[in-house]
Amino acid sequence: MPNDEIQFNVSGQFQNQDHTTTEREQNPDGQNDEDSNVVNSQLTALYEAKAKRFNDDTDHRAGLVDWIKNLIPIYLTFVFYLLVANGIDTIQFHLSDEIILAILCTTTANIIGLAVIVLKGLFK
């Protein structure tokens, strides 16, 4: 039977679109119903494995989004306090202009990069 006559429905069962086929067309290699059941069970197992992988990937993406949503505000708060401490003259803390520039550049690159990674993963 040609492959275009078989559809795999959402519940994991196979349906033959052409219900008028003869017994020989249904089993061209002389396979019996037991062989067909083995093939159907193997394909059902494959379908279930793909569904499990999809669900696991979705869970991992959700965890990554939560991790980044928590990391970005913490990182930005740290950089903000670092810059404020650098600007207060009463505190004996001073960073050179090159270090401040490096911190701001890497912060910007990290925030944009993490956002791009998350958005690409969500809208793939």
Protein backbone atom coordinates (compact mmCIF):
# COMPACT_ATOMS: atom_id res chain seq x y z
CA MET A 1 0.00 0.00 0.00
CA PRO A 2 1.50 3.43 -0.87
CA ASN A 3 2.59 5.62 2.02
CA ASP A 4 0.26 8.44 1.01
CA GLU A 5 -2.76 6.27 1.87
CA ILE A 6 -1.83 6.01 5.55
CA GLN A 7 -2.20 8.86 8.02
CA PHE A 8 -0.98 8.99 11.59
CA ASN A 9 -3.63 10.73 13.64
CA VAL A 10 -3.07 12.67 16.87
CA SER A 11 -4.09 9.81 19.16
CA GLY A 12 -1.29 7.66 17.76
CA GLN A 13 -3.43 5.39 15.60
CA PHE A 14 -3.08 4.71 11.91
CA GLN A 15 -5.93 5.16 9.51
CA ASN A 16 -6.17 3.89 5.96
CA GLN A 17 -7.70 6.54 3.72
CA ASP A 18 -8.72 4.07 1.01
CA HIS A 19 -11.08 1.60 2.71
CA THR A 20 -11.77 -0.37 -0.49
CA THR A 21 -8.39 -2.13 -0.72
CA THR A 22 -8.20 -5.90 -0.93
CA GLU A 23 -6.52 -8.15 1.61
CA ARG A 24 -3.50 -8.57 -0.69
CA GLU A 25 -3.14 -4.77 -1.01
CA GLN A 26 -3.33 -4.39 2.75
CA ASN A 27 -0.59 -6.99 3.25
CA PRO A 28 1.50 -6.95 0.04
CA ASP A 29 4.35 -8.93 1.59
CA GLY A 30 2.04 -11.59 2.98
CA GLN A 31 2.29 -10.08 6.46
CA ASN A 32 -0.34 -11.12 8.92
CA ASP A 33 -2.14 -8.92 11.43
CA GLU A 34 0.45 -9.73 14.09
CA ASP A 35 3.22 -8.18 11.98
CA SER A 36 1.04 -5.14 11.36
CA ASN A 37 0.44 -4.81 15.09
CA VAL A 38 4.18 -4.91 15.76
CA VAL A 39 4.77 -2.15 13.22
CA ASN A 40 1.91 -0.11 14.65
CA SER A 41 3.24 -0.50 18.19
CA GLN A 42 6.74 0.50 17.08
CA LEU A 43 5.40 3.59 15.33
CA THR A 44 3.26 4.43 18.34
CA ALA A 45 6.35 4.14 20.57
CA LEU A 46 8.21 6.46 18.20
CA TYR A 47 5.35 8.97 18.33
CA GLU A 48 5.32 8.83 22.14
CA ALA A 49 9.10 9.32 22.29
CA LYS A 50 8.86 12.38 20.04
CA ALA A 51 6.05 13.81 22.18
CA LYS A 52 8.11 13.23 25.36
CA ARG A 53 11.13 14.95 23.81
CA PHE A 54 8.98 17.92 22.77
CA ASN A 55 7.57 18.22 26.30
CA ASP A 56 11.04 17.95 27.85
CA ASP A 57 12.40 20.61 25.49
CA THR A 58 9.49 22.88 26.39
CA ASP A 59 10.16 22.41 30.11
CA HIS A 60 13.88 23.14 29.67
CA ARG A 61 13.14 26.28 27.66
CA ALA A 62 10.76 27.48 30.37
CA GLY A 63 13.50 26.89 32.97
CA LEU A 64 15.99 28.83 30.86
CA VAL A 65 13.57 31.73 30.54
CA ASP A 66 13.05 31.80 34.32
CA TRP A 67 16.80 31.67 34.94
CA ILE A 68 17.45 34.57 32.57
CA LYS A 69 14.52 36.57 33.97
CA ASN A 70 16.15 36.29 37.41
CA LEU A 71 19.74 36.78 36.28
CA ILE A 72 19.30 39.98 34.26
CA PRO A 73 17.80 42.11 37.07
CA ILE A 74 20.38 40.86 39.58
CA TYR A 75 23.22 41.64 37.18
CA LEU A 76 21.85 45.07 36.31
CA THR A 77 21.36 45.89 40.00
CA PHE A 78 24.95 44.91 40.74
CA VAL A 79 26.27 47.10 37.90
CA PHE A 80 24.05 49.99 39.04
CA TYR A 81 25.38 49.81 42.62
CA LEU A 82 28.92 49.55 41.29
CA LEU A 83 28.48 52.74 39.28
CA VAL A 84 26.79 54.57 42.17
CA ALA A 85 29.58 53.54 44.55
CA ASN A 86 32.11 54.76 42.02
CA GLY A 87 30.37 58.16 41.82
CA ILE A 88 30.18 58.78 45.59
CA ASP A 89 33.26 60.64 46.78
CA THR A 90 32.92 59.70 50.47
CA ILE A 91 33.46 56.01 49.70
CA GLN A 92 37.05 54.95 49.08
CA PHE A 93 36.11 53.15 45.88
CA HIS A 94 37.19 54.33 42.47
CA LEU A 95 37.29 52.58 39.12
CA SER A 96 39.14 53.93 36.12
CA ASP A 97 37.18 55.09 33.08
CA GLU A 98 38.39 52.12 31.05
CA ILE A 99 37.02 49.66 33.59
CA ILE A 100 33.66 51.44 33.75
CA LEU A 101 33.48 51.44 29.96
CA ALA A 102 34.29 47.71 29.87
CA ILE A 103 31.63 46.94 32.48
CA LEU A 104 28.97 48.92 30.61
CA CYS A 105 29.88 47.37 27.24
CA THR A 106 29.86 43.82 28.52
CA THR A 107 26.61 44.43 30.42
CA THR A 108 24.94 45.72 27.28
CA ALA A 109 26.26 42.83 25.18
CA ASN A 110 25.18 40.25 27.76
CA ILE A 111 21.68 41.64 28.15
CA ILE A 112 21.10 41.86 24.40
CA GLY A 113 22.67 38.43 23.80
CA LEU A 114 20.60 36.67 26.46
CA ALA A 115 17.42 38.32 25.21
CA VAL A 116 18.17 37.21 21.63
CA ILE A 117 18.86 33.64 22.73
CA VAL A 118 15.61 33.44 24.70
CA LEU A 119 13.51 35.04 21.97
CA LYS A 120 14.94 32.78 19.27
CA GLY A 121 14.15 29.76 21.40
CA LEU A 122 10.59 30.89 22.09
CA PHE A 123 9.66 31.87 18.55
CA LYS A 124 11.43 29.07 16.70
